[in-house]
Each structure stands twice: as structure tokens, then as C-alpha cells.
Amino acid sequence: MSEGRVKSILDRPHLLFIVIGVTAILLIPLMSAFESVLTWLVIRSGLYVFIKEAILPIQVRMVSVALSALGFDVDVLANSVVVLERGGHSAGAGILWNCVGWQTFFLLLITLAFGISGSYTMKSKMLCIALSFEAALSISFLRIILTALINFYLGHWQAVFFHDYLGIVFVLVLVFAFWIFCFKFILVSRPEASQGLQDRRELHSSERVG
């Protein structure tokens, strides 16, 4: 019976992601420390220069356009500070090079290592990889937008708390939602894998009956 349960879980990889996601949420302090170490490595490698000079200005412009569409008067200072103004109230939010989403991209790369390792068609795997790039950009973009809005309406420290702690939960939830979506709608099992899975299920059913 226990063997059947183990195989049942392995046949549903999204359940593994849910378990991992809940565990990760419980280990937010360790994840925050890991992010700090990862940031240090990027600084040591010099990759932060490329992120700061090539990616950050584009991300800041995208954020300013989105906030303008929400009805704010937006000023961008030094390609890193977005100043929001509406109804006589203004607030500035700084966007640093380590806020553009490369951590989310790194997280998605890690999950890709085993997320697409199953018996899926190559076409569906490539589509999943392509969507992961868009997901990383979208998740980070939404996180920045929400942080700026919280800073405007609630205050600086509330925005810091969201960015440093609740933002991690926000990213994790969306990452695992992305994978559940991929497992359900994107990744397609190869015909021989689907047949093998059906045979195993029929075998388990016959063992239980017996």
C-alpha cells in the first residue's frame, strides 16, 4: 500500500511542488539569507554591472509606464527612483539592481531542472522553458509594482516588510502556481509514458482487489 502511495505522488509532480512550496514558506528566514549570499556572489562576479546598466533602466521605465496607467503622476530620477504623486501626496520608491527579478529567474531555473525532467514531449518542454522567462519577468514586475503602491498608500516600513518577507511568499506562490499551470495545460506526456502510467495504475488496482 505504501509503495502505491509513493508512486501516486511521483505520478503527480505538482504535489511535490506544493510540498516544497509550503516548506519554503516556513523557511523564509533561510531563504532570505540564501538570497543575500546569491547577491554577494553576483557582486563578486561583476554581473551586477550588466544588470544595473542594461536591465535596470528598462525595468524602471516599465514600472513608470504601468504606474502612470494606474493614474499616478510619475517622475523617474537617476534611472532608479520612481516618484509617485496623486491627490497632493507624493512618495518615492527606489529600485535597485537586485530588485529587477534575477533571483526569481534563478529560482525558476532550479525548478526547471526537475520540473521538465519527466517523460514529456520536447515541444511541450521548450514551451515551458520559454514561458518560464516570461513568468520570471512578470512576477518580478508585479512585486515591484505592489511594493511601490504599498509605499505610497501605507508607508516606507510597510513596503520594506512586504518586499523583504511577504514578497518572498508572493514570489513562491506565483512560481508554484506557474508550475501547476504547466503540469496541467502545457507539459504533454509522451505516448509511451502515458501508456506505462496507465499500465501501472491498472496493476495497482488489480493488486488492491486481490
N, C-alpha and C. Protein backbone atom coordinates (compact mmCIF):
# COMPACT_ATOMS: atom_id res chain seq x y z
N MET A 1 0.83 -1.21 0.00
CA MET A 1 0.00 0.00 0.00
C MET A 1 0.86 1.26 0.00
N SER A 2 1.94 1.26 0.84
CA SER A 2 2.80 2.44 0.91
C SER A 2 3.52 2.68 -0.40
N GLU A 3 3.90 1.58 -1.09
CA GLU A 3 4.56 1.72 -2.39
C GLU A 3 3.64 2.37 -3.40
N GLY A 4 2.36 1.98 -3.35
CA GLY A 4 1.39 2.58 -4.26
C GLY A 4 1.24 4.06 -4.01
N ARG A 5 1.27 4.47 -2.73
CA ARG A 5 1.13 5.89 -2.41
C ARG A 5 2.33 6.68 -2.92
N VAL A 6 3.53 6.10 -2.74
CA VAL A 6 4.73 6.79 -3.22
C VAL A 6 4.67 6.99 -4.72
N LYS A 7 4.29 5.94 -5.46
CA LYS A 7 4.20 6.05 -6.91
C LYS A 7 3.11 7.03 -7.31
N SER A 8 2.03 7.07 -6.53
CA SER A 8 0.95 8.00 -6.85
C SER A 8 1.44 9.44 -6.75
N ILE A 9 2.24 9.72 -5.74
CA ILE A 9 2.79 11.07 -5.59
C ILE A 9 3.76 11.38 -6.72
N LEU A 10 4.60 10.42 -7.08
CA LEU A 10 5.56 10.64 -8.15
C LEU A 10 4.88 10.83 -9.49
N ASP A 11 3.70 10.23 -9.65
CA ASP A 11 2.94 10.41 -10.88
C ASP A 11 2.29 11.78 -10.95
N ARG A 12 2.27 12.50 -9.83
CA ARG A 12 1.69 13.84 -9.79
C ARG A 12 2.75 14.82 -9.30
N PRO A 13 3.68 15.23 -10.17
CA PRO A 13 4.80 16.07 -9.73
C PRO A 13 4.38 17.40 -9.16
N HIS A 14 3.17 17.90 -9.50
CA HIS A 14 2.76 19.18 -8.93
C HIS A 14 2.57 19.07 -7.43
N LEU A 15 2.27 17.83 -6.92
CA LEU A 15 2.17 17.65 -5.47
C LEU A 15 3.52 17.87 -4.81
N LEU A 16 4.58 17.47 -5.50
CA LEU A 16 5.92 17.71 -4.96
C LEU A 16 6.20 19.19 -4.86
N PHE A 17 5.78 19.95 -5.87
CA PHE A 17 5.99 21.39 -5.83
C PHE A 17 5.22 22.03 -4.67
N ILE A 18 4.01 21.54 -4.41
CA ILE A 18 3.22 22.10 -3.31
C ILE A 18 3.92 21.84 -1.98
N VAL A 19 4.41 20.62 -1.80
CA VAL A 19 5.12 20.28 -0.57
C VAL A 19 6.36 21.14 -0.42
N ILE A 20 7.12 21.27 -1.51
CA ILE A 20 8.32 22.09 -1.47
C ILE A 20 7.97 23.54 -1.20
N GLY A 21 6.89 24.03 -1.80
CA GLY A 21 6.48 25.42 -1.61
C GLY A 21 6.11 25.72 -0.17
N VAL A 22 5.34 24.82 0.46
CA VAL A 22 4.96 25.03 1.86
C VAL A 22 6.20 25.02 2.75
N THR A 23 7.11 24.10 2.46
CA THR A 23 8.34 24.03 3.24
C THR A 23 9.16 25.31 3.08
N ALA A 24 9.22 25.82 1.85
CA ALA A 24 9.99 27.04 1.59
C ALA A 24 9.40 28.23 2.33
N ILE A 25 8.07 28.32 2.38
CA ILE A 25 7.42 29.42 3.09
C ILE A 25 7.77 29.37 4.58
N LEU A 26 7.83 28.16 5.13
CA LEU A 26 8.19 28.02 6.54
C LEU A 26 9.65 28.36 6.80
N LEU A 27 10.45 28.33 5.74
CA LEU A 27 11.88 28.61 5.88
C LEU A 27 12.26 29.95 5.26
N ILE A 28 11.36 30.92 5.34
CA ILE A 28 11.61 32.23 4.76
C ILE A 28 12.91 32.87 5.26
N PRO A 29 13.21 32.82 6.58
CA PRO A 29 14.47 33.42 7.04
C PRO A 29 15.69 32.83 6.35
N LEU A 30 15.70 31.50 6.17
CA LEU A 30 16.83 30.87 5.50
C LEU A 30 16.89 31.27 4.03
N MET A 31 15.73 31.40 3.41
CA MET A 31 15.69 31.82 2.01
C MET A 31 16.21 33.24 1.85
N SER A 32 15.88 34.09 2.83
CA SER A 32 16.37 35.47 2.79
C SER A 32 17.89 35.49 2.90
N ALA A 33 18.43 34.62 3.77
CA ALA A 33 19.88 34.53 3.90
C ALA A 33 20.51 34.00 2.61
N PHE A 34 19.86 33.01 1.99
CA PHE A 34 20.35 32.46 0.73
C PHE A 34 20.37 33.53 -0.36
N GLU A 35 19.33 34.37 -0.38
CA GLU A 35 19.27 35.45 -1.36
C GLU A 35 20.41 36.43 -1.15
N SER A 36 20.76 36.67 0.12
CA SER A 36 21.88 37.57 0.42
C SER A 36 23.19 36.99 -0.09
N VAL A 37 23.37 35.68 0.10
CA VAL A 37 24.58 35.02 -0.38
C VAL A 37 24.64 35.08 -1.90
N LEU A 38 23.50 34.84 -2.55
CA LEU A 38 23.44 34.88 -4.00
C LEU A 38 23.77 36.28 -4.52
N THR A 39 23.26 37.30 -3.82
CA THR A 39 23.58 38.68 -4.19
C THR A 39 25.07 38.94 -4.07
N TRP A 40 25.67 38.44 -3.01
CA TRP A 40 27.11 38.62 -2.81
C TRP A 40 27.90 37.98 -3.95
N LEU A 41 27.48 36.79 -4.38
CA LEU A 41 28.16 36.11 -5.47
C LEU A 41 28.05 36.90 -6.77
N VAL A 42 26.88 37.48 -7.03
CA VAL A 42 26.69 38.28 -8.24
C VAL A 42 27.57 39.52 -8.20
N ILE A 43 27.70 40.12 -7.03
CA ILE A 43 28.57 41.29 -6.88
C ILE A 43 30.02 40.90 -7.13
N ARG A 44 30.45 39.79 -6.54
CA ARG A 44 31.83 39.35 -6.70
C ARG A 44 32.15 39.01 -8.15
N SER A 45 31.17 38.48 -8.87
CA SER A 45 31.40 38.10 -10.26
C SER A 45 31.38 39.29 -11.21
N GLY A 46 30.85 40.42 -10.75
CA GLY A 46 30.75 41.60 -11.59
C GLY A 46 29.52 41.63 -12.47
N LEU A 47 28.67 40.61 -12.36
CA LEU A 47 27.46 40.56 -13.17
C LEU A 47 26.49 41.68 -12.84
N TYR A 48 26.59 42.20 -11.62
CA TYR A 48 25.67 43.27 -11.21
C TYR A 48 25.82 44.51 -12.08
N VAL A 49 27.01 44.72 -12.66
CA VAL A 49 27.22 45.89 -13.51
C VAL A 49 26.32 45.81 -14.74
N PHE A 50 26.26 44.64 -15.36
CA PHE A 50 25.39 44.45 -16.52
C PHE A 50 23.93 44.63 -16.13
N ILE A 51 23.53 44.05 -14.99
CA ILE A 51 22.15 44.18 -14.54
C ILE A 51 21.80 45.64 -14.28
N LYS A 52 22.71 46.35 -13.65
CA LYS A 52 22.48 47.75 -13.29
C LYS A 52 22.40 48.66 -14.51
N GLU A 53 23.27 48.42 -15.49
CA GLU A 53 23.37 49.34 -16.62
C GLU A 53 22.45 48.96 -17.78
N ALA A 54 22.17 47.69 -17.96
CA ALA A 54 21.38 47.25 -19.13
C ALA A 54 19.94 46.91 -18.79
N ILE A 55 19.71 46.28 -17.65
CA ILE A 55 18.37 45.79 -17.33
C ILE A 55 17.59 46.76 -16.46
N LEU A 56 18.25 47.34 -15.45
CA LEU A 56 17.55 48.21 -14.50
C LEU A 56 16.83 49.38 -15.17
N PRO A 57 17.46 50.14 -16.09
CA PRO A 57 16.74 51.27 -16.71
C PRO A 57 15.46 50.83 -17.44
N ILE A 58 15.52 49.68 -18.11
CA ILE A 58 14.34 49.17 -18.81
C ILE A 58 13.23 48.83 -17.83
N GLN A 59 13.60 48.17 -16.74
CA GLN A 59 12.62 47.79 -15.73
C GLN A 59 11.98 49.02 -15.09
N VAL A 60 12.79 50.04 -14.83
CA VAL A 60 12.27 51.27 -14.22
C VAL A 60 11.28 51.95 -15.15
N ARG A 61 11.60 52.00 -16.44
CA ARG A 61 10.68 52.61 -17.40
C ARG A 61 9.37 51.82 -17.49
N MET A 62 9.46 50.51 -17.46
CA MET A 62 8.24 49.69 -17.50
C MET A 62 7.37 49.95 -16.27
N VAL A 63 8.00 50.05 -15.11
CA VAL A 63 7.25 50.32 -13.88
C VAL A 63 6.59 51.69 -13.93
N SER A 64 7.32 52.69 -14.44
CA SER A 64 6.76 54.04 -14.51
C SER A 64 5.57 54.10 -15.46
N VAL A 65 5.65 53.37 -16.57
CA VAL A 65 4.53 53.34 -17.52
C VAL A 65 3.31 52.67 -16.88
N ALA A 66 3.54 51.56 -16.18
CA ALA A 66 2.43 50.85 -15.54
C ALA A 66 1.77 51.71 -14.47
N LEU A 67 2.57 52.40 -13.66
CA LEU A 67 2.01 53.25 -12.61
C LEU A 67 1.30 54.46 -13.20
N SER A 68 1.79 54.97 -14.31
CA SER A 68 1.09 56.07 -14.99
C SER A 68 -0.27 55.61 -15.48
N ALA A 69 -0.33 54.36 -15.97
CA ALA A 69 -1.61 53.82 -16.43
C ALA A 69 -2.61 53.66 -15.28
N LEU A 70 -2.10 53.57 -14.05
CA LEU A 70 -2.97 53.46 -12.88
C LEU A 70 -3.42 54.82 -12.36
N GLY A 71 -3.00 55.89 -13.05
CA GLY A 71 -3.48 57.23 -12.69
C GLY A 71 -2.54 58.06 -11.86
N PHE A 72 -1.29 57.64 -11.72
CA PHE A 72 -0.31 58.41 -10.95
C PHE A 72 0.48 59.33 -11.88
N ASP A 73 0.90 60.46 -11.33
CA ASP A 73 1.91 61.28 -11.99
C ASP A 73 3.26 60.73 -11.56
N VAL A 74 4.06 60.31 -12.52
CA VAL A 74 5.30 59.58 -12.21
C VAL A 74 6.50 60.35 -12.74
N ASP A 75 7.49 60.51 -11.87
CA ASP A 75 8.79 61.05 -12.25
C ASP A 75 9.86 60.01 -11.97
N VAL A 76 10.81 59.89 -12.88
CA VAL A 76 11.91 58.94 -12.71
C VAL A 76 13.20 59.73 -12.49
N LEU A 77 13.87 59.44 -11.40
CA LEU A 77 15.10 60.14 -11.04
C LEU A 77 16.28 59.17 -11.11
N ALA A 78 17.29 59.56 -11.86
CA ALA A 78 18.55 58.80 -11.94
C ALA A 78 18.36 57.34 -12.33
N ASN A 79 17.33 57.06 -13.10
CA ASN A 79 17.07 55.70 -13.59
C ASN A 79 16.90 54.67 -12.47
N SER A 80 16.61 55.13 -11.25
CA SER A 80 16.48 54.16 -10.16
C SER A 80 15.44 54.54 -9.11
N VAL A 81 14.91 55.75 -9.17
CA VAL A 81 13.92 56.20 -8.19
C VAL A 81 12.65 56.61 -8.92
N VAL A 82 11.53 56.01 -8.51
CA VAL A 82 10.24 56.33 -9.09
C VAL A 82 9.45 57.13 -8.07
N VAL A 83 9.09 58.36 -8.43
CA VAL A 83 8.34 59.24 -7.54
C VAL A 83 6.89 59.27 -8.00
N LEU A 84 5.99 58.85 -7.13
CA LEU A 84 4.56 58.84 -7.43
C LEU A 84 3.89 60.05 -6.79
N GLU A 85 2.95 60.64 -7.52
CA GLU A 85 2.20 61.77 -6.98
C GLU A 85 0.75 61.68 -7.43
N ARG A 86 -0.15 61.86 -6.48
CA ARG A 86 -1.58 61.90 -6.78
C ARG A 86 -2.32 62.49 -5.57
N GLY A 87 -3.25 63.38 -5.86
CA GLY A 87 -4.05 63.99 -4.80
C GLY A 87 -3.25 64.79 -3.81
N GLY A 88 -2.19 65.42 -4.25
CA GLY A 88 -1.37 66.23 -3.36
C GLY A 88 -0.40 65.43 -2.50
N HIS A 89 -0.39 64.12 -2.66
CA HIS A 89 0.52 63.26 -1.89
C HIS A 89 1.55 62.66 -2.82
N SER A 90 2.80 62.61 -2.38
CA SER A 90 3.87 62.03 -3.19
C SER A 90 4.73 61.10 -2.34
N ALA A 91 5.31 60.13 -3.00
CA ALA A 91 6.20 59.18 -2.33
C ALA A 91 7.16 58.61 -3.35
N GLY A 92 8.41 58.44 -2.95
CA GLY A 92 9.42 57.90 -3.84
C GLY A 92 9.79 56.48 -3.47
N ALA A 93 10.03 55.67 -4.47
CA ALA A 93 10.44 54.28 -4.26
C ALA A 93 11.69 54.00 -5.08
N GLY A 94 12.74 53.57 -4.39
CA GLY A 94 13.98 53.25 -5.09
C GLY A 94 13.97 51.83 -5.62
N ILE A 95 14.42 51.68 -6.85
CA ILE A 95 14.51 50.35 -7.47
C ILE A 95 15.98 50.06 -7.72
N LEU A 96 16.53 49.11 -6.99
CA LEU A 96 17.94 48.78 -7.09
C LEU A 96 18.17 47.66 -8.10
N TRP A 97 19.43 47.42 -8.42
CA TRP A 97 19.75 46.40 -9.42
C TRP A 97 19.33 45.00 -8.98
N ASN A 98 19.29 44.76 -7.66
CA ASN A 98 18.89 43.43 -7.20
C ASN A 98 17.39 43.31 -6.99
N CYS A 99 16.63 44.27 -7.54
CA CYS A 99 15.16 44.21 -7.47
C CYS A 99 14.53 43.87 -8.82
N VAL A 100 15.35 43.65 -9.84
CA VAL A 100 14.79 43.52 -11.18
C VAL A 100 14.31 42.11 -11.50
N GLY A 101 14.58 41.14 -10.61
CA GLY A 101 13.99 39.82 -10.81
C GLY A 101 14.94 38.70 -11.16
N TRP A 102 16.24 38.95 -11.12
CA TRP A 102 17.15 37.87 -11.47
C TRP A 102 17.10 36.73 -10.45
N GLN A 103 16.73 37.02 -9.19
CA GLN A 103 16.58 35.95 -8.20
C GLN A 103 15.43 35.02 -8.57
N THR A 104 14.32 35.62 -9.03
CA THR A 104 13.18 34.81 -9.47
C THR A 104 13.55 33.94 -10.66
N PHE A 105 14.31 34.52 -11.58
CA PHE A 105 14.78 33.77 -12.74
C PHE A 105 15.64 32.59 -12.30
N PHE A 106 16.52 32.83 -11.33
CA PHE A 106 17.38 31.76 -10.81
C PHE A 106 16.54 30.67 -10.17
N LEU A 107 15.51 31.06 -9.42
CA LEU A 107 14.62 30.08 -8.78
C LEU A 107 13.91 29.23 -9.83
N LEU A 108 13.44 29.87 -10.90
CA LEU A 108 12.76 29.12 -11.95
C LEU A 108 13.72 28.17 -12.67
N LEU A 109 14.98 28.58 -12.82
CA LEU A 109 15.96 27.69 -13.43
C LEU A 109 16.16 26.44 -12.59
N ILE A 110 16.20 26.62 -11.26
CA ILE A 110 16.35 25.47 -10.37
C ILE A 110 15.17 24.52 -10.51
N THR A 111 13.96 25.07 -10.52
CA THR A 111 12.78 24.22 -10.63
C THR A 111 12.68 23.57 -12.01
N LEU A 112 13.22 24.25 -13.03
CA LEU A 112 13.21 23.65 -14.36
C LEU A 112 14.02 22.37 -14.40
N ALA A 113 15.07 22.29 -13.56
CA ALA A 113 15.97 21.14 -13.58
C ALA A 113 15.21 19.84 -13.35
N PHE A 114 14.18 19.87 -12.50
CA PHE A 114 13.41 18.64 -12.29
C PHE A 114 11.96 18.77 -12.72
N GLY A 115 11.50 20.00 -12.99
CA GLY A 115 10.12 20.19 -13.41
C GLY A 115 9.83 19.60 -14.77
N ILE A 116 10.82 19.65 -15.68
CA ILE A 116 10.62 19.12 -17.03
C ILE A 116 11.42 17.85 -17.26
N SER A 117 11.86 17.22 -16.16
CA SER A 117 12.68 16.01 -16.30
C SER A 117 11.86 14.76 -16.54
N GLY A 118 10.54 14.88 -16.47
CA GLY A 118 9.68 13.72 -16.68
C GLY A 118 9.58 13.34 -18.15
N SER A 119 8.74 12.38 -18.42
CA SER A 119 8.56 11.87 -19.79
C SER A 119 7.56 12.74 -20.55
N TYR A 120 8.02 13.94 -20.91
CA TYR A 120 7.18 14.88 -21.65
C TYR A 120 7.73 15.08 -23.05
N THR A 121 6.89 15.53 -23.95
CA THR A 121 7.34 15.79 -25.32
C THR A 121 8.30 16.97 -25.34
N MET A 122 9.23 16.94 -26.30
CA MET A 122 10.22 18.01 -26.39
C MET A 122 9.56 19.36 -26.67
N LYS A 123 8.52 19.36 -27.50
CA LYS A 123 7.83 20.60 -27.83
C LYS A 123 7.23 21.25 -26.58
N SER A 124 6.59 20.44 -25.73
CA SER A 124 5.98 21.00 -24.52
C SER A 124 7.05 21.46 -23.53
N LYS A 125 8.19 20.77 -23.50
CA LYS A 125 9.29 21.20 -22.63
C LYS A 125 9.83 22.56 -23.07
N MET A 126 10.04 22.74 -24.36
CA MET A 126 10.56 24.01 -24.87
C MET A 126 9.57 25.14 -24.62
N LEU A 127 8.28 24.87 -24.77
CA LEU A 127 7.27 25.88 -24.49
C LEU A 127 7.28 26.26 -23.01
N CYS A 128 7.47 25.28 -22.15
CA CYS A 128 7.53 25.54 -20.71
C CYS A 128 8.74 26.40 -20.38
N ILE A 129 9.88 26.13 -21.00
CA ILE A 129 11.08 26.93 -20.76
C ILE A 129 10.86 28.37 -21.21
N ALA A 130 10.27 28.54 -22.39
CA ALA A 130 10.00 29.89 -22.90
C ALA A 130 9.06 30.65 -21.97
N LEU A 131 8.02 29.98 -21.49
CA LEU A 131 7.08 30.63 -20.59
C LEU A 131 7.72 30.98 -19.25
N SER A 132 8.73 30.21 -18.83
CA SER A 132 9.38 30.50 -17.56
C SER A 132 10.10 31.84 -17.59
N PHE A 133 10.67 32.21 -18.75
CA PHE A 133 11.31 33.51 -18.87
C PHE A 133 10.28 34.63 -18.70
N GLU A 134 9.14 34.48 -19.36
CA GLU A 134 8.09 35.48 -19.24
C GLU A 134 7.54 35.52 -17.81
N ALA A 135 7.44 34.36 -17.19
CA ALA A 135 6.92 34.31 -15.82
C ALA A 135 7.85 35.02 -14.85
N ALA A 136 9.17 34.83 -15.01
CA ALA A 136 10.13 35.49 -14.13
C ALA A 136 10.02 37.00 -14.24
N LEU A 137 9.91 37.50 -15.47
CA LEU A 137 9.79 38.94 -15.68
C LEU A 137 8.48 39.46 -15.10
N SER A 138 7.39 38.76 -15.33
CA SER A 138 6.08 39.22 -14.86
C SER A 138 5.98 39.21 -13.34
N ILE A 139 6.49 38.14 -12.71
CA ILE A 139 6.43 38.04 -11.26
C ILE A 139 7.22 39.16 -10.60
N SER A 140 8.42 39.40 -11.09
CA SER A 140 9.25 40.47 -10.52
C SER A 140 8.63 41.84 -10.76
N PHE A 141 8.04 42.02 -11.93
CA PHE A 141 7.39 43.28 -12.27
C PHE A 141 6.23 43.55 -11.31
N LEU A 142 5.41 42.54 -11.07
CA LEU A 142 4.28 42.70 -10.14
C LEU A 142 4.75 42.98 -8.73
N ARG A 143 5.84 42.35 -8.33
CA ARG A 143 6.37 42.57 -6.98
C ARG A 143 6.81 44.02 -6.81
N ILE A 144 7.46 44.58 -7.81
CA ILE A 144 7.90 45.97 -7.73
C ILE A 144 6.70 46.91 -7.70
N ILE A 145 5.71 46.64 -8.54
CA ILE A 145 4.51 47.48 -8.58
C ILE A 145 3.81 47.48 -7.23
N LEU A 146 3.63 46.30 -6.65
CA LEU A 146 2.96 46.21 -5.35
C LEU A 146 3.75 46.91 -4.26
N THR A 147 5.07 46.79 -4.30
CA THR A 147 5.91 47.46 -3.31
C THR A 147 5.77 48.98 -3.41
N ALA A 148 5.76 49.50 -4.64
CA ALA A 148 5.61 50.94 -4.84
C ALA A 148 4.24 51.42 -4.35
N LEU A 149 3.20 50.65 -4.62
CA LEU A 149 1.85 51.03 -4.18
C LEU A 149 1.72 50.99 -2.66
N ILE A 150 2.31 49.97 -2.03
CA ILE A 150 2.28 49.89 -0.57
C ILE A 150 3.05 51.06 0.03
N ASN A 151 4.18 51.41 -0.58
CA ASN A 151 4.96 52.55 -0.10
C ASN A 151 4.16 53.85 -0.19
N PHE A 152 3.37 53.99 -1.25
CA PHE A 152 2.60 55.21 -1.44
C PHE A 152 1.43 55.29 -0.46
N TYR A 153 0.71 54.20 -0.30
CA TYR A 153 -0.53 54.23 0.49
C TYR A 153 -0.31 53.93 1.98
N LEU A 154 0.64 53.07 2.30
CA LEU A 154 0.80 52.63 3.69
C LEU A 154 2.06 53.16 4.37
N GLY A 155 3.11 53.36 3.60
CA GLY A 155 4.32 53.90 4.19
C GLY A 155 5.57 53.08 3.86
N HIS A 156 6.71 53.66 4.23
CA HIS A 156 8.00 53.08 3.86
C HIS A 156 8.24 51.72 4.51
N TRP A 157 8.06 51.63 5.82
CA TRP A 157 8.39 50.40 6.52
C TRP A 157 7.46 49.25 6.14
N GLN A 158 6.21 49.57 5.86
CA GLN A 158 5.30 48.53 5.39
C GLN A 158 5.75 47.98 4.04
N ALA A 159 6.25 48.89 3.19
CA ALA A 159 6.75 48.46 1.89
C ALA A 159 8.01 47.61 2.04
N VAL A 160 8.88 47.98 2.97
CA VAL A 160 10.10 47.20 3.22
C VAL A 160 9.74 45.80 3.71
N PHE A 161 8.76 45.72 4.62
CA PHE A 161 8.34 44.42 5.15
C PHE A 161 7.77 43.54 4.04
N PHE A 162 6.96 44.14 3.18
CA PHE A 162 6.41 43.36 2.07
C PHE A 162 7.52 42.90 1.14
N HIS A 163 8.42 43.79 0.78
CA HIS A 163 9.48 43.46 -0.16
C HIS A 163 10.40 42.37 0.37
N ASP A 164 10.77 42.46 1.66
CA ASP A 164 11.76 41.54 2.21
C ASP A 164 11.17 40.22 2.70
N TYR A 165 9.89 40.21 3.08
CA TYR A 165 9.32 39.00 3.67
C TYR A 165 8.08 38.51 2.91
N LEU A 166 7.01 39.31 2.92
CA LEU A 166 5.80 38.89 2.21
C LEU A 166 6.06 38.77 0.72
N GLY A 167 6.99 39.57 0.21
CA GLY A 167 7.33 39.49 -1.21
C GLY A 167 7.89 38.13 -1.59
N ILE A 168 8.62 37.50 -0.64
CA ILE A 168 9.15 36.17 -0.89
C ILE A 168 8.01 35.16 -1.02
N VAL A 169 7.03 35.28 -0.11
CA VAL A 169 5.86 34.40 -0.19
C VAL A 169 5.11 34.63 -1.50
N PHE A 170 4.96 35.90 -1.87
CA PHE A 170 4.28 36.27 -3.12
C PHE A 170 4.96 35.61 -4.32
N VAL A 171 6.29 35.69 -4.36
CA VAL A 171 7.03 35.10 -5.47
C VAL A 171 6.87 33.58 -5.49
N LEU A 172 6.99 32.96 -4.32
CA LEU A 172 6.88 31.50 -4.25
C LEU A 172 5.50 31.01 -4.69
N VAL A 173 4.47 31.70 -4.23
CA VAL A 173 3.11 31.30 -4.59
C VAL A 173 2.92 31.37 -6.10
N LEU A 174 3.40 32.45 -6.72
CA LEU A 174 3.25 32.59 -8.17
C LEU A 174 4.11 31.59 -8.94
N VAL A 175 5.30 31.30 -8.42
CA VAL A 175 6.16 30.32 -9.08
C VAL A 175 5.49 28.94 -9.09
N PHE A 176 4.95 28.54 -7.96
CA PHE A 176 4.32 27.23 -7.90
C PHE A 176 2.99 27.20 -8.63
N ALA A 177 2.30 28.35 -8.67
CA ALA A 177 1.09 28.43 -9.49
C ALA A 177 1.45 28.28 -10.97
N PHE A 178 2.59 28.85 -11.36
CA PHE A 178 3.06 28.70 -12.73
C PHE A 178 3.31 27.24 -13.07
N TRP A 179 3.92 26.51 -12.14
CA TRP A 179 4.22 25.11 -12.42
C TRP A 179 2.97 24.24 -12.43
N ILE A 180 2.04 24.54 -11.56
CA ILE A 180 0.78 23.80 -11.59
C ILE A 180 0.08 24.01 -12.93
N PHE A 181 0.14 25.26 -13.42
CA PHE A 181 -0.43 25.57 -14.74
C PHE A 181 0.28 24.77 -15.83
N CYS A 182 1.63 24.72 -15.75
CA CYS A 182 2.39 23.99 -16.76
C CYS A 182 2.07 22.50 -16.74
N PHE A 183 2.00 21.92 -15.53
CA PHE A 183 1.71 20.49 -15.43
C PHE A 183 0.31 20.16 -15.96
N LYS A 184 -0.61 21.10 -15.79
CA LYS A 184 -1.99 20.82 -16.18
C LYS A 184 -2.27 21.13 -17.64
N PHE A 185 -1.64 22.19 -18.18
CA PHE A 185 -2.02 22.66 -19.51
C PHE A 185 -0.88 22.66 -20.54
N ILE A 186 0.38 22.67 -20.11
CA ILE A 186 1.48 22.85 -21.05
C ILE A 186 2.23 21.54 -21.31
N LEU A 187 2.72 20.92 -20.26
CA LEU A 187 3.53 19.71 -20.41
C LEU A 187 2.65 18.54 -20.85
N VAL A 188 3.07 17.89 -21.92
CA VAL A 188 2.31 16.77 -22.50
C VAL A 188 3.16 15.51 -22.40
N SER A 189 2.62 14.48 -21.80
CA SER A 189 3.34 13.21 -21.65
C SER A 189 3.53 12.55 -23.01
N ARG A 190 4.68 11.92 -23.18
CA ARG A 190 4.91 11.14 -24.40
C ARG A 190 3.96 9.95 -24.43
N PRO A 191 3.54 9.52 -25.61
CA PRO A 191 2.56 8.42 -25.70
C PRO A 191 2.97 7.18 -24.93
N GLU A 192 4.27 6.80 -25.06
CA GLU A 192 4.70 5.58 -24.37
C GLU A 192 4.69 5.76 -22.86
N ALA A 193 4.96 7.01 -22.39
CA ALA A 193 4.93 7.27 -20.95
C ALA A 193 3.50 7.20 -20.42
N SER A 194 2.56 7.73 -21.20
CA SER A 194 1.16 7.69 -20.79
C SER A 194 0.66 6.26 -20.70
N GLN A 195 1.07 5.43 -21.66
CA GLN A 195 0.65 4.03 -21.64
C GLN A 195 1.24 3.30 -20.44
N GLY A 196 2.52 3.60 -20.14
CA GLY A 196 3.16 2.97 -19.00
C GLY A 196 2.50 3.36 -17.69
N LEU A 197 2.10 4.62 -17.58
CA LEU A 197 1.41 5.08 -16.38
C LEU A 197 0.07 4.38 -16.23
N GLN A 198 -0.65 4.23 -17.34
CA GLN A 198 -1.95 3.55 -17.29
C GLN A 198 -1.78 2.09 -16.88
N ASP A 199 -0.72 1.45 -17.38
CA ASP A 199 -0.48 0.05 -17.01
C ASP A 199 -0.18 -0.08 -15.52
N ARG A 200 0.59 0.86 -14.96
CA ARG A 200 0.92 0.80 -13.54
C ARG A 200 -0.33 0.99 -12.69
N ARG A 201 -1.19 1.92 -13.11
CA ARG A 201 -2.41 2.15 -12.35
C ARG A 201 -3.32 0.93 -12.38
N GLU A 202 -3.42 0.29 -13.55
CA GLU A 202 -4.23 -0.93 -13.63
C GLU A 202 -3.65 -2.04 -12.76
N LEU A 203 -2.32 -2.12 -12.71
CA LEU A 203 -1.67 -3.12 -11.88
C LEU A 203 -1.95 -2.87 -10.40
N HIS A 204 -1.88 -1.61 -9.99
CA HIS A 204 -2.16 -1.27 -8.59
C HIS A 204 -3.60 -1.60 -8.24
N SER A 205 -4.51 -1.31 -9.17
CA SER A 205 -5.92 -1.59 -8.91
C SER A 205 -6.15 -3.09 -8.75
N SER A 206 -5.53 -3.88 -9.60
CA SER A 206 -5.70 -5.34 -9.51
C SER A 206 -5.09 -5.89 -8.23
N GLU A 207 -3.98 -5.30 -7.76
CA GLU A 207 -3.35 -5.74 -6.51
C GLU A 207 -4.26 -5.45 -5.32
N ARG A 208 -4.92 -4.28 -5.35
CA ARG A 208 -5.82 -3.94 -4.25
C ARG A 208 -7.02 -4.90 -4.22
N VAL A 209 -7.53 -5.20 -5.42
CA VAL A 209 -8.68 -6.11 -5.50
C VAL A 209 -8.29 -7.49 -4.99
N GLY A 210 -7.06 -7.91 -5.41
CA GLY A 210 -6.61 -9.21 -4.98
C GLY A 210 -6.32 -9.25 -3.49
